[in-house]
Protein backbone atom coordinates (compact mmCIF):
# COMPACT_ATOMS: atom_id res chain seq x y z
CA UNK A 1 0.00 0.00 0.00
CA UNK A 2 2.94 2.38 0.57
CA UNK A 3 4.02 2.46 -3.12
CA UNK A 4 0.40 3.09 -4.10
CA UNK A 5 0.10 6.00 -1.64
CA UNK A 6 3.39 7.50 -2.87
CA UNK A 7 2.14 7.23 -6.45
CA UNK A 8 -1.05 9.08 -5.50
CA UNK A 9 0.65 11.61 -3.23
CA UNK A 10 4.26 12.26 -4.37
CA UNK A 11 4.77 14.82 -1.60
CA UNK A 12 4.73 11.92 0.87
CA UNK A 13 8.04 10.73 -0.56
CA UNK A 14 9.64 14.05 0.38
CA UNK A 15 8.35 13.68 3.93
CA UNK A 16 9.79 10.17 4.22
CA UNK A 17 13.18 11.09 2.75
CA UNK A 18 13.82 14.34 4.63
CA UNK A 19 11.81 13.73 7.83
CA UNK A 20 11.54 17.49 8.24
CA UNK A 21 8.42 17.12 10.37
CA UNK A 22 10.44 15.45 13.17
CA UNK A 23 12.37 17.41 15.75
CA UNK A 24 14.85 15.11 17.46
CA UNK A 25 15.62 15.04 20.33
CA UNK A 26 12.03 15.49 21.36
CA UNK A 27 10.83 18.35 23.59
CA UNK A 28 13.92 20.51 23.06
CA UNK A 29 13.71 24.19 22.18
CA UNK A 30 16.22 24.57 19.31
CA UNK A 31 15.79 28.35 19.43
CA UNK A 32 17.79 28.28 22.71
CA UNK A 33 20.96 26.31 21.85
CA UNK A 34 22.83 27.76 24.81
CA UNK A 35 20.89 25.26 26.93
CA UNK A 36 22.30 22.39 24.83
CA UNK A 37 25.75 23.49 23.66
CA UNK A 38 28.23 25.76 25.43
CA UNK A 39 29.17 29.10 23.82
CA UNK A 40 26.37 28.91 21.23
CA UNK A 41 23.68 31.35 20.12
CA UNK A 42 20.87 31.11 17.58
CA UNK A 43 20.92 33.72 14.79
CA UNK A 44 18.76 34.43 11.75
CA UNK A 45 20.44 35.35 8.46
CA UNK A 46 18.53 36.92 5.58
CA UNK A 47 20.04 35.44 2.43
CA UNK A 48 17.74 37.23 0.00
CA UNK A 49 14.46 39.14 0.32
CA UNK A 50 11.89 36.87 1.92
CA UNK A 51 14.36 34.06 2.75
CA UNK A 52 15.66 33.68 6.28
CA UNK A 53 18.00 30.91 7.41
CA UNK A 54 18.39 29.93 11.04
CA UNK A 55 21.94 29.19 12.20
CA UNK A 56 23.78 28.38 15.37
CA UNK A 57 27.01 30.24 15.99
CA UNK A 58 29.38 28.33 18.30
CA UNK A 59 32.67 29.89 19.31
CA UNK A 60 35.62 27.54 19.99
CA UNK A 61 36.43 26.42 23.51
CA UNK A 62 39.51 28.65 23.55
CA UNK A 63 37.16 31.68 23.47
CA UNK A 64 34.62 30.09 25.82
CA UNK A 65 35.52 32.19 28.87
CA UNK A 66 35.33 35.34 26.76
CA UNK A 67 31.88 34.35 25.41
CA UNK A 68 30.27 33.77 28.82
CA UNK A 69 27.31 36.10 29.35
CA UNK A 70 27.71 37.91 26.02
CA UNK A 71 24.75 39.00 23.91
CA UNK A 72 23.96 38.51 20.23
CA UNK A 73 25.97 41.56 19.19
CA UNK A 74 29.20 40.06 20.58
CA UNK A 75 28.65 36.85 18.60
CA UNK A 76 27.97 38.84 15.41
CA UNK A 77 31.20 40.80 15.94
CA UNK A 78 33.06 37.53 16.55
CA UNK A 79 31.96 36.39 13.08
CA UNK A 80 33.59 39.48 11.58
CA UNK A 81 37.02 39.10 13.18
CA UNK A 82 40.05 37.41 11.59
CA UNK A 83 39.34 33.92 12.97
CA UNK A 84 38.33 31.25 10.43
CA UNK A 85 34.69 30.16 10.21
CA UNK A 86 33.75 26.51 9.75
CA UNK A 87 30.35 25.83 8.22
CA UNK A 88 28.82 22.48 9.12
CA UNK A 89 25.90 21.28 7.00
CA UNK A 90 24.16 18.52 8.91
CA UNK A 91 22.56 16.65 6.01
CA UNK A 92 19.02 16.02 4.86
CA UNK A 93 17.36 14.73 8.03
CA UNK A 94 16.60 16.14 11.43
CA UNK A 95 17.10 19.70 12.59
CA UNK A 96 19.89 21.98 13.67
PDB file of N, CA and C in Angstrom:
ATOM      1  N   UNK A   1       0.808  -1.207   0.000  1.00  0.00           N
ATOM      2  CA  UNK A   1       0.000   0.000   0.000  1.00  0.00           C
ATOM      3  C   UNK A   1       0.851   1.271   0.000  1.00  0.00           C
ATOM      4  N   UNK A   2       2.077   1.202   0.522  1.00  0.00           N
ATOM      5  CA  UNK A   2       2.940   2.381   0.567  1.00  0.00           C
ATOM      6  C   UNK A   2       3.305   2.857  -0.845  1.00  0.00           C
ATOM      7  N   UNK A   3       3.725   1.985  -1.766  1.00  0.00           N
ATOM      8  CA  UNK A   3       4.015   2.463  -3.118  1.00  0.00           C
ATOM      9  C   UNK A   3       2.787   3.085  -3.791  1.00  0.00           C
ATOM     10  N   UNK A   4       1.624   2.537  -3.529  1.00  0.00           N
ATOM     11  CA  UNK A   4       0.400   3.093  -4.097  1.00  0.00           C
ATOM     12  C   UNK A   4       0.125   4.489  -3.542  1.00  0.00           C
ATOM     13  N   UNK A   5       0.301   4.676  -2.250  1.00  0.00           N
ATOM     14  CA  UNK A   5       0.102   5.996  -1.636  1.00  0.00           C
ATOM     15  C   UNK A   5       1.112   7.017  -2.159  1.00  0.00           C
ATOM     16  N   UNK A   6       2.360   6.595  -2.340  1.00  0.00           N
ATOM     17  CA  UNK A   6       3.388   7.501  -2.865  1.00  0.00           C
ATOM     18  C   UNK A   6       3.070   7.882  -4.305  1.00  0.00           C
ATOM     19  N   UNK A   7       2.531   6.941  -5.063  1.00  0.00           N
ATOM     20  CA  UNK A   7       2.138   7.231  -6.446  1.00  0.00           C
ATOM     21  C   UNK A   7       1.010   8.265  -6.471  1.00  0.00           C
ATOM     22  N   UNK A   8       0.066   8.128  -5.557  1.00  0.00           N
ATOM     23  CA  UNK A   8      -1.052   9.081  -5.499  1.00  0.00           C
ATOM     24  C   UNK A   8      -0.646  10.428  -4.917  1.00  0.00           C
ATOM     25  N   UNK A   9       0.238  10.387  -3.925  1.00  0.00           N
ATOM     26  CA  UNK A   9       0.651  11.611  -3.229  1.00  0.00           C
ATOM     27  C   UNK A   9       2.181  11.694  -3.217  1.00  0.00           C
ATOM     28  N   UNK A  10       2.794  12.221  -4.284  1.00  0.00           N
ATOM     29  CA  UNK A  10       4.261  12.256  -4.365  1.00  0.00           C
ATOM     30  C   UNK A  10       4.911  13.090  -3.261  1.00  0.00           C
ATOM     31  N   UNK A  11       4.177  14.021  -2.680  1.00  0.00           N
ATOM     32  CA  UNK A  11       4.766  14.823  -1.603  1.00  0.00           C
ATOM     33  C   UNK A  11       5.066  13.980  -0.371  1.00  0.00           C
ATOM     34  N   UNK A  12       4.429  12.811  -0.240  1.00  0.00           N
ATOM     35  CA  UNK A  12       4.728  11.921   0.874  1.00  0.00           C
ATOM     36  C   UNK A  12       6.164  11.413   0.802  1.00  0.00           C
ATOM     37  N   UNK A  13       6.668  11.201  -0.403  1.00  0.00           N
ATOM     38  CA  UNK A  13       8.038  10.728  -0.563  1.00  0.00           C
ATOM     39  C   UNK A  13       9.019  11.730   0.039  1.00  0.00           C
ATOM     40  N   UNK A  14       8.785  13.011  -0.191  1.00  0.00           N
ATOM     41  CA  UNK A  14       9.641  14.048   0.382  1.00  0.00           C
ATOM     42  C   UNK A  14       9.621  13.985   1.900  1.00  0.00           C
ATOM     43  N   UNK A  15       8.460  13.788   2.474  1.00  0.00           N
ATOM     44  CA  UNK A  15       8.350  13.685   3.932  1.00  0.00           C
ATOM     45  C   UNK A  15       9.145  12.495   4.465  1.00  0.00           C
ATOM     46  N   UNK A  16       9.074  11.352   3.767  1.00  0.00           N
ATOM     47  CA  UNK A  16       9.791  10.172   4.224  1.00  0.00           C
ATOM     48  C   UNK A  16      11.296  10.303   4.046  1.00  0.00           C
ATOM     49  N   UNK A  17      11.745  10.964   3.007  1.00  0.00           N
ATOM     50  CA  UNK A  17      13.175  11.094   2.750  1.00  0.00           C
ATOM     51  C   UNK A  17      13.813  12.093   3.702  1.00  0.00           C
ATOM     52  N   UNK A  18      13.199  13.273   3.852  1.00  0.00           N
ATOM     53  CA  UNK A  18      13.819  14.339   4.626  1.00  0.00           C
ATOM     54  C   UNK A  18      13.419  14.350   6.096  1.00  0.00           C
ATOM     55  N   UNK A  19      12.294  13.783   6.440  1.00  0.00           N
ATOM     56  CA  UNK A  19      11.814  13.731   7.826  1.00  0.00           C
ATOM     57  C   UNK A  19      11.820  15.105   8.493  1.00  0.00           C
ATOM     58  N   UNK A  20      11.491  16.138   7.710  1.00  0.00           N
ATOM     59  CA  UNK A  20      11.544  17.494   8.239  1.00  0.00           C
ATOM     60  C   UNK A  20      10.409  17.817   9.201  1.00  0.00           C
ATOM     61  N   UNK A  21       9.494  16.897   9.406  1.00  0.00           N
ATOM     62  CA  UNK A  21       8.421  17.118  10.366  1.00  0.00           C
ATOM     63  C   UNK A  21       8.814  16.624  11.758  1.00  0.00           C
ATOM     64  N   UNK A  22       9.958  15.931  11.881  1.00  0.00           N
ATOM     65  CA  UNK A  22      10.440  15.451  13.166  1.00  0.00           C
ATOM     66  C   UNK A  22      11.455  16.414  13.753  1.00  0.00           C
ATOM     67  N   UNK A  23      11.374  16.622  15.028  1.00  0.00           N
ATOM     68  CA  UNK A  23      12.372  17.412  15.749  1.00  0.00           C
ATOM     69  C   UNK A  23      12.986  16.501  16.806  1.00  0.00           C
ATOM     70  N   UNK A  24      14.200  16.027  16.540  1.00  0.00           N
ATOM     71  CA  UNK A  24      14.847  15.105  17.458  1.00  0.00           C
ATOM     72  C   UNK A  24      16.086  15.744  18.026  1.00  0.00           C
ATOM     73  N   UNK A  25      16.366  15.695  19.271  1.00  0.00           N
ATOM     74  CA  UNK A  25      15.623  15.042  20.334  1.00  0.00           C
ATOM     75  C   UNK A  25      14.302  15.746  20.620  1.00  0.00           C
ATOM     76  N   UNK A  26      13.371  14.981  21.112  1.00  0.00           N
ATOM     77  CA  UNK A  26      12.034  15.493  21.356  1.00  0.00           C
ATOM     78  C   UNK A  26      12.019  16.466  22.540  1.00  0.00           C
ATOM     79  N   UNK A  27      11.088  17.397  22.504  1.00  0.00           N
ATOM     80  CA  UNK A  27      10.828  18.350  23.591  1.00  0.00           C
ATOM     81  C   UNK A  27      12.025  19.240  23.898  1.00  0.00           C
ATOM     82  N   UNK A  28      12.787  19.611  22.893  1.00  0.00           N
ATOM     83  CA  UNK A  28      13.924  20.505  23.061  1.00  0.00           C
ATOM     84  C   UNK A  28      13.642  21.766  22.266  1.00  0.00           C
ATOM     85  N   UNK A  29      13.912  22.914  22.852  1.00  0.00           N
ATOM     86  CA  UNK A  29      13.713  24.191  22.179  1.00  0.00           C
ATOM     87  C   UNK A  29      14.998  24.550  21.427  1.00  0.00           C
ATOM     88  N   UNK A  30      15.018  24.319  20.108  1.00  0.00           N
ATOM     89  CA  UNK A  30      16.215  24.570  19.313  1.00  0.00           C
ATOM     90  C   UNK A  30      16.476  26.061  19.095  1.00  0.00           C
ATOM     91  N   UNK A  31      15.548  26.915  19.514  1.00  0.00           N
ATOM     92  CA  UNK A  31      15.790  28.355  19.431  1.00  0.00           C
ATOM     93  C   UNK A  31      16.677  28.825  20.579  1.00  0.00           C
ATOM     94  N   UNK A  32      16.943  27.948  21.558  1.00  0.00           N
ATOM     95  CA  UNK A  32      17.791  28.283  22.706  1.00  0.00           C
ATOM     96  C   UNK A  32      18.942  27.279  22.812  1.00  0.00           C
ATOM     97  N   UNK A  33      19.880  27.318  21.864  1.00  0.00           N
ATOM     98  CA  UNK A  33      20.956  26.314  21.853  1.00  0.00           C
ATOM     99  C   UNK A  33      21.906  26.434  23.032  1.00  0.00           C
ATOM    100  N   UNK A  34      21.929  27.595  23.674  1.00  0.00           N
ATOM    101  CA  UNK A  34      22.830  27.763  24.811  1.00  0.00           C
ATOM    102  C   UNK A  34      22.492  26.793  25.945  1.00  0.00           C
ATOM    103  N   UNK A  35      21.270  26.251  25.935  1.00  0.00           N
ATOM    104  CA  UNK A  35      20.886  25.258  26.932  1.00  0.00           C
ATOM    105  C   UNK A  35      21.419  23.871  26.575  1.00  0.00           C
ATOM    106  N   UNK A  36      21.816  23.683  25.315  1.00  0.00           N
ATOM    107  CA  UNK A  36      22.297  22.387  24.830  1.00  0.00           C
ATOM    108  C   UNK A  36      23.802  22.355  24.613  1.00  0.00           C
ATOM    109  N   UNK A  37      24.347  23.435  24.060  1.00  0.00           N
ATOM    110  CA  UNK A  37      25.753  23.485  23.657  1.00  0.00           C
ATOM    111  C   UNK A  37      26.384  24.742  24.235  1.00  0.00           C
ATOM    112  N   UNK A  38      27.546  24.594  24.861  1.00  0.00           N
ATOM    113  CA  UNK A  38      28.232  25.758  25.433  1.00  0.00           C
ATOM    114  C   UNK A  38      28.664  26.737  24.352  1.00  0.00           C
ATOM    115  N   UNK A  39      28.662  28.026  24.682  1.00  0.00           N
ATOM    116  CA  UNK A  39      29.171  29.097  23.816  1.00  0.00           C
ATOM    117  C   UNK A  39      28.458  29.155  22.471  1.00  0.00           C
ATOM    118  N   UNK A  40      27.152  28.963  22.465  1.00  0.00           N
ATOM    119  CA  UNK A  40      26.367  28.912  21.233  1.00  0.00           C
ATOM    120  C   UNK A  40      25.182  29.852  21.333  1.00  0.00           C
ATOM    121  N   UNK A  41      24.845  30.468  20.199  1.00  0.00           N
ATOM    122  CA  UNK A  41      23.685  31.353  20.123  1.00  0.00           C
ATOM    123  C   UNK A  41      22.963  31.087  18.797  1.00  0.00           C
ATOM    124  N   UNK A  42      21.669  31.288  18.794  1.00  0.00           N
ATOM    125  CA  UNK A  42      20.869  31.112  17.581  1.00  0.00           C
ATOM    126  C   UNK A  42      20.735  32.459  16.886  1.00  0.00           C
ATOM    127  N   UNK A  43      21.027  32.496  15.589  1.00  0.00           N
ATOM    128  CA  UNK A  43      20.924  33.721  14.795  1.00  0.00           C
ATOM    129  C   UNK A  43      20.054  33.462  13.568  1.00  0.00           C
ATOM    130  N   UNK A  44      19.522  34.504  12.994  1.00  0.00           N
ATOM    131  CA  UNK A  44      18.762  34.432  11.752  1.00  0.00           C
ATOM    132  C   UNK A  44      19.500  35.253  10.702  1.00  0.00           C
ATOM    133  N   UNK A  45      19.792  34.651   9.561  1.00  0.00           N
ATOM    134  CA  UNK A  45      20.442  35.351   8.456  1.00  0.00           C
ATOM    135  C   UNK A  45      19.451  35.501   7.315  1.00  0.00           C
ATOM    136  N   UNK A  46      19.367  36.696   6.746  1.00  0.00           N
ATOM    137  CA  UNK A  46      18.534  36.925   5.575  1.00  0.00           C
ATOM    138  C   UNK A  46      19.425  36.776   4.352  1.00  0.00           C
ATOM    139  N   UNK A  47      19.200  35.718   3.581  1.00  0.00           N
ATOM    140  CA  UNK A  47      20.044  35.438   2.426  1.00  0.00           C
ATOM    141  C   UNK A  47      19.608  36.196   1.193  1.00  0.00           C
ATOM    142  N   UNK A  48      18.320  36.431   1.069  1.00  0.00           N
ATOM    143  CA  UNK A  48      17.740  37.229  -0.005  1.00  0.00           C
ATOM    144  C   UNK A  48      16.375  37.684   0.487  1.00  0.00           C
ATOM    145  N   UNK A  49      15.758  38.648  -0.164  1.00  0.00           N
ATOM    146  CA  UNK A  49      14.463  39.135   0.322  1.00  0.00           C
ATOM    147  C   UNK A  49      13.439  37.995   0.469  1.00  0.00           C
ATOM    148  N   UNK A  50      12.902  37.886   1.656  1.00  0.00           N
ATOM    149  CA  UNK A  50      11.894  36.873   1.919  1.00  0.00           C
ATOM    150  C   UNK A  50      12.428  35.510   2.326  1.00  0.00           C
ATOM    151  N   UNK A  51      13.763  35.349   2.377  1.00  0.00           N
ATOM    152  CA  UNK A  51      14.355  34.061   2.745  1.00  0.00           C
ATOM    153  C   UNK A  51      15.248  34.269   3.966  1.00  0.00           C
ATOM    154  N   UNK A  52      14.885  33.604   5.051  1.00  0.00           N
ATOM    155  CA  UNK A  52      15.661  33.680   6.282  1.00  0.00           C
ATOM    156  C   UNK A  52      16.126  32.286   6.664  1.00  0.00           C
ATOM    157  N   UNK A  53      17.403  32.182   7.033  1.00  0.00           N
ATOM    158  CA  UNK A  53      17.997  30.908   7.405  1.00  0.00           C
ATOM    159  C   UNK A  53      18.401  30.984   8.875  1.00  0.00           C
ATOM    160  N   UNK A  54      17.992  29.988   9.649  1.00  0.00           N
ATOM    161  CA  UNK A  54      18.391  29.928  11.044  1.00  0.00           C
ATOM    162  C   UNK A  54      19.723  29.225  11.183  1.00  0.00           C
ATOM    163  N   UNK A  55      20.614  29.789  11.992  1.00  0.00           N
ATOM    164  CA  UNK A  55      21.935  29.191  12.199  1.00  0.00           C
ATOM    165  C   UNK A  55      22.258  29.184  13.686  1.00  0.00           C
ATOM    166  N   UNK A  56      23.177  28.336  14.051  1.00  0.00           N
ATOM    167  CA  UNK A  56      23.779  28.381  15.373  1.00  0.00           C
ATOM    168  C   UNK A  56      25.220  28.837  15.193  1.00  0.00           C
ATOM    169  N   UNK A  57      25.624  29.797  15.996  1.00  0.00           N
ATOM    170  CA  UNK A  57      27.012  30.241  15.991  1.00  0.00           C
ATOM    171  C   UNK A  57      27.649  29.749  17.283  1.00  0.00           C
ATOM    172  N   UNK A  58      28.652  28.885  17.158  1.00  0.00           N
ATOM    173  CA  UNK A  58      29.376  28.335  18.298  1.00  0.00           C
ATOM    174  C   UNK A  58      30.811  28.816  18.225  1.00  0.00           C
ATOM    175  N   UNK A  59      31.264  29.456  19.275  1.00  0.00           N
ATOM    176  CA  UNK A  59      32.669  29.886  19.310  1.00  0.00           C
ATOM    177  C   UNK A  59      33.499  28.736  19.878  1.00  0.00           C
ATOM    178  N   UNK A  60      34.785  28.647  19.511  1.00  0.00           N
ATOM    179  CA  UNK A  60      35.618  27.542  19.990  1.00  0.00           C
ATOM    180  C   UNK A  60      35.833  27.612  21.504  1.00  0.00           C
ATOM    181  N   UNK A  61      36.204  26.492  22.069  1.00  0.00           N
ATOM    182  CA  UNK A  61      36.429  26.418  23.511  1.00  0.00           C
ATOM    183  C   UNK A  61      37.481  27.388  24.003  1.00  0.00           C
ATOM    184  N   UNK A  62      38.453  27.715  23.142  1.00  0.00           N
ATOM    185  CA  UNK A  62      39.510  28.654  23.546  1.00  0.00           C
ATOM    186  C   UNK A  62      38.965  30.054  23.806  1.00  0.00           C
ATOM    187  N   UNK A  63      37.794  30.370  23.230  1.00  0.00           N
ATOM    188  CA  UNK A  63      37.163  31.677  23.472  1.00  0.00           C
ATOM    189  C   UNK A  63      35.940  31.539  24.379  1.00  0.00           C
ATOM    190  N   UNK A  64      35.777  30.365  24.982  1.00  0.00           N
ATOM    191  CA  UNK A  64      34.619  30.095  25.817  1.00  0.00           C
ATOM    192  C   UNK A  64      34.484  31.034  26.999  1.00  0.00           C
ATOM    193  N   UNK A  65      35.570  31.289  27.704  1.00  0.00           N
ATOM    194  CA  UNK A  65      35.519  32.185  28.867  1.00  0.00           C
ATOM    195  C   UNK A  65      35.138  33.595  28.435  1.00  0.00           C
ATOM    196  N   UNK A  66      35.639  34.001  27.295  1.00  0.00           N
ATOM    197  CA  UNK A  66      35.328  35.337  26.762  1.00  0.00           C
ATOM    198  C   UNK A  66      33.861  35.442  26.350  1.00  0.00           C
ATOM    199  N   UNK A  67      33.254  34.342  25.912  1.00  0.00           N
ATOM    200  CA  UNK A  67      31.881  34.350  25.410  1.00  0.00           C
ATOM    201  C   UNK A  67      30.830  34.291  26.515  1.00  0.00           C
ATOM    202  N   UNK A  68      31.234  33.923  27.730  1.00  0.00           N
ATOM    203  CA  UNK A  68      30.272  33.767  28.823  1.00  0.00           C
ATOM    204  C   UNK A  68      29.508  35.067  29.081  1.00  0.00           C
ATOM    205  N   UNK A  69      28.175  34.964  29.032  1.00  0.00           N
ATOM    206  CA  UNK A  69      27.315  36.103  29.348  1.00  0.00           C
ATOM    207  C   UNK A  69      27.206  37.155  28.265  1.00  0.00           C
ATOM    208  N   UNK A  70      27.765  36.912  27.103  1.00  0.00           N
ATOM    209  CA  UNK A  70      27.715  37.908  26.022  1.00  0.00           C
ATOM    210  C   UNK A  70      26.384  37.827  25.287  1.00  0.00           C
ATOM    211  N   UNK A  71      26.017  38.936  24.645  1.00  0.00           N
ATOM    212  CA  UNK A  71      24.755  39.002  23.907  1.00  0.00           C
ATOM    213  C   UNK A  71      24.982  38.716  22.423  1.00  0.00           C
ATOM    214  N   UNK A  72      23.914  38.823  21.664  1.00  0.00           N
ATOM    215  CA  UNK A  72      23.955  38.512  20.232  1.00  0.00           C
ATOM    216  C   UNK A  72      24.948  39.397  19.495  1.00  0.00           C
ATOM    217  N   UNK A  73      25.063  40.642  19.886  1.00  0.00           N
ATOM    218  CA  UNK A  73      25.971  41.559  19.190  1.00  0.00           C
ATOM    219  C   UNK A  73      27.422  41.078  19.275  1.00  0.00           C
ATOM    220  N   UNK A  74      27.837  40.560  20.432  1.00  0.00           N
ATOM    221  CA  UNK A  74      29.201  40.060  20.584  1.00  0.00           C
ATOM    222  C   UNK A  74      29.456  38.902  19.622  1.00  0.00           C
ATOM    223  N   UNK A  75      28.492  37.993  19.503  1.00  0.00           N
ATOM    224  CA  UNK A  75      28.646  36.848  18.598  1.00  0.00           C
ATOM    225  C   UNK A  75      28.710  37.309  17.139  1.00  0.00           C
ATOM    226  N   UNK A  76      27.920  38.312  16.776  1.00  0.00           N
ATOM    227  CA  UNK A  76      27.971  38.838  15.406  1.00  0.00           C
ATOM    228  C   UNK A  76      29.321  39.476  15.129  1.00  0.00           C
ATOM    229  N   UNK A  77      29.882  40.204  16.108  1.00  0.00           N
ATOM    230  CA  UNK A  77      31.204  40.804  15.937  1.00  0.00           C
ATOM    231  C   UNK A  77      32.287  39.727  15.869  1.00  0.00           C
ATOM    232  N   UNK A  78      32.094  38.633  16.598  1.00  0.00           N
ATOM    233  CA  UNK A  78      33.060  37.530  16.553  1.00  0.00           C
ATOM    234  C   UNK A  78      33.099  36.892  15.166  1.00  0.00           C
ATOM    235  N   UNK A  79      31.973  36.912  14.455  1.00  0.00           N
ATOM    236  CA  UNK A  79      31.963  36.390  13.084  1.00  0.00           C
ATOM    237  C   UNK A  79      32.782  37.259  12.148  1.00  0.00           C
ATOM    238  N   UNK A  80      32.919  38.538  12.472  1.00  0.00           N
ATOM    239  CA  UNK A  80      33.593  39.480  11.579  1.00  0.00           C
ATOM    240  C   UNK A  80      35.090  39.598  11.849  1.00  0.00           C
ATOM    241  N   UNK A  81      35.595  38.950  12.899  1.00  0.00           N
ATOM    242  CA  UNK A  81      37.024  39.096  13.179  1.00  0.00           C
ATOM    243  C   UNK A  81      37.843  38.175  12.263  1.00  0.00           C
ATOM    244  N   UNK A  82      39.136  38.114  12.497  1.00  0.00           N
ATOM    245  CA  UNK A  82      40.051  37.412  11.587  1.00  0.00           C
ATOM    246  C   UNK A  82      40.072  35.896  11.775  1.00  0.00           C
ATOM    247  N   UNK A  83      39.341  35.358  12.736  1.00  0.00           N
ATOM    248  CA  UNK A  83      39.342  33.917  12.968  1.00  0.00           C
ATOM    249  C   UNK A  83      38.589  33.200  11.846  1.00  0.00           C
ATOM    250  N   UNK A  84      39.035  31.994  11.490  1.00  0.00           N
ATOM    251  CA  UNK A  84      38.330  31.248  10.429  1.00  0.00           C
ATOM    252  C   UNK A  84      36.946  30.799  10.894  1.00  0.00           C
ATOM    253  N   UNK A  85      36.052  30.626   9.938  1.00  0.00           N
ATOM    254  CA  UNK A  85      34.691  30.164  10.211  1.00  0.00           C
ATOM    255  C   UNK A  85      34.522  28.809   9.538  1.00  0.00           C
ATOM    256  N   UNK A  86      34.023  27.840  10.288  1.00  0.00           N
ATOM    257  CA  UNK A  86      33.753  26.509   9.751  1.00  0.00           C
ATOM    258  C   UNK A  86      32.245  26.364   9.637  1.00  0.00           C
ATOM    259  N   UNK A  87      31.776  26.024   8.453  1.00  0.00           N
ATOM    260  CA  UNK A  87      30.347  25.829   8.225  1.00  0.00           C
ATOM    261  C   UNK A  87      30.086  24.332   8.191  1.00  0.00           C
ATOM    262  N   UNK A  88      29.183  23.895   9.052  1.00  0.00           N
ATOM    263  CA  UNK A  88      28.823  22.482   9.120  1.00  0.00           C
ATOM    264  C   UNK A  88      27.399  22.331   8.614  1.00  0.00           C
ATOM    265  N   UNK A  89      27.222  21.562   7.562  1.00  0.00           N
ATOM    266  CA  UNK A  89      25.899  21.278   7.003  1.00  0.00           C
ATOM    267  C   UNK A  89      25.523  19.869   7.435  1.00  0.00           C
ATOM    268  N   UNK A  90      24.468  19.760   8.216  1.00  0.00           N
ATOM    269  CA  UNK A  90      24.161  18.521   8.908  1.00  0.00           C
ATOM    270  C   UNK A  90      23.518  17.436   8.059  1.00  0.00           C
ATOM    271  N   UNK A  91      23.155  17.684   6.839  1.00  0.00           N
ATOM    272  CA  UNK A  91      22.561  16.650   6.006  1.00  0.00           C
ATOM    273  C   UNK A  91      21.085  16.893   5.745  1.00  0.00           C
ATOM    274  N   UNK A  92      20.410  15.838   5.301  1.00  0.00           N
ATOM    275  CA  UNK A  92      19.024  16.024   4.859  1.00  0.00           C
ATOM    276  C   UNK A  92      17.979  15.637   5.893  1.00  0.00           C
ATOM    277  N   UNK A  93      18.344  15.144   7.045  1.00  0.00           N
ATOM    278  CA  UNK A  93      17.356  14.735   8.034  1.00  0.00           C
ATOM    279  C   UNK A  93      17.560  15.455   9.339  1.00  0.00           C
ATOM    280  N   UNK A  94      16.504  15.537  10.120  1.00  0.00           N
ATOM    281  CA  UNK A  94      16.597  16.138  11.429  1.00  0.00           C
ATOM    282  C   UNK A  94      16.570  17.651  11.390  1.00  0.00           C
ATOM    283  N   UNK A  95      17.094  18.246  12.449  1.00  0.00           N
ATOM    284  CA  UNK A  95      17.096  19.699  12.587  1.00  0.00           C
ATOM    285  C   UNK A  95      18.473  20.159  13.006  1.00  0.00           C
ATOM    286  N   UNK A  96      18.598  21.457  13.205  1.00  0.00           N
ATOM    287  CA  UNK A  96      19.887  21.976  13.669  1.00  0.00           C
ATOM    288  C   UNK A  96      20.245  21.333  14.987  1.00  0.00           C
TER     289      UNK A  96
END
